[in-house]
Amino acid sequence: MAVTKDPAQSATATFDQDIQQFRQQLASLKAFLMNSSTTSIEEFDLAAEELIAGVFGRSSTNLET
């Protein structure tokens, strides 16, 4: 028997994952600002840009449905 997924539950799970990724990115920024990070500002900036582009790019299609 095939299991059908509720689109609302799938979207909620995706958004929960996005929020968790933002939390991780903010923790990385906090570490950077407290001088306990091993990454450069350029690495942080690139990761932040990719995260934002990925999340908002994917979210925009969800809003149109």
Protein backbone atom coordinates (compact mmCIF):
# COMPACT_ATOMS: atom_id res chain seq x y z
CA MET A 1 0.00 0.00 0.00
CA ALA A 2 1.42 3.38 -1.00
CA VAL A 3 1.64 6.06 1.63
CA THR A 4 0.45 9.47 0.53
CA LYS A 5 2.11 12.52 1.99
CA ASP A 6 0.15 15.52 3.10
CA PRO A 7 1.57 18.53 1.21
CA ALA A 8 1.02 20.75 4.25
CA GLN A 9 3.03 18.41 6.47
CA SER A 10 5.78 18.22 3.86
CA ALA A 11 5.95 22.03 3.61
CA THR A 12 6.01 22.32 7.41
CA ALA A 13 8.87 19.85 7.64
CA THR A 14 10.76 21.76 4.97
CA PHE A 15 10.25 25.06 6.79
CA ASP A 16 11.36 23.48 10.07
CA GLN A 17 14.56 22.35 8.35
CA ASP A 18 15.07 25.84 6.92
CA ILE A 19 14.67 27.40 10.36
CA GLN A 20 17.18 24.95 11.80
CA GLN A 21 19.67 25.85 9.06
CA PHE A 22 19.23 29.56 9.86
CA ARG A 23 19.82 28.82 13.55
CA GLN A 24 23.04 27.00 12.67
CA GLN A 25 24.16 29.90 10.49
CA LEU A 26 23.44 32.37 13.31
CA ALA A 27 25.44 30.20 15.72
CA SER A 28 28.29 30.33 13.23
CA LEU A 29 28.02 34.13 13.11
CA LYS A 30 28.03 34.30 16.90
CA ALA A 31 31.19 32.18 17.03
CA PHE A 32 32.79 34.40 14.40
CA LEU A 33 31.92 37.58 16.29
CA MET A 34 33.30 36.13 19.51
CA ASN A 35 36.57 35.27 17.71
CA SER A 36 36.16 31.54 18.32
CA SER A 37 35.43 30.61 14.72
CA THR A 38 37.76 28.80 12.36
CA THR A 39 36.02 30.22 9.27
CA SER A 40 36.69 33.49 7.53
CA ILE A 41 34.09 36.18 6.97
CA GLU A 42 34.15 35.34 3.27
CA GLU A 43 33.29 31.69 3.99
CA PHE A 44 30.51 32.74 6.34
CA ASP A 45 29.15 35.23 3.81
CA LEU A 46 29.13 32.66 1.00
CA ALA A 47 27.36 30.09 3.20
CA ALA A 48 24.80 32.69 4.30
CA GLU A 49 24.12 33.78 0.71
CA GLU A 50 23.63 30.18 -0.41
CA LEU A 51 21.32 29.43 2.51
CA ILE A 52 19.19 32.53 1.93
CA ALA A 53 19.01 31.98 -1.83
CA GLY A 54 18.11 28.33 -1.35
CA VAL A 55 15.46 28.91 1.30
CA PHE A 56 13.75 31.90 -0.26
CA GLY A 57 14.04 30.53 -3.76
CA ARG A 58 12.37 27.29 -2.69
CA SER A 59 9.80 29.04 -0.49
CA SER A 60 8.60 31.33 -3.23
CA THR A 61 7.29 28.39 -5.26
CA ASN A 62 5.44 27.07 -2.19
CA LEU A 63 3.61 30.36 -1.78
CA GLU A 64 2.33 30.31 -5.36
CA THR A 65 0.53 26.96 -5.01
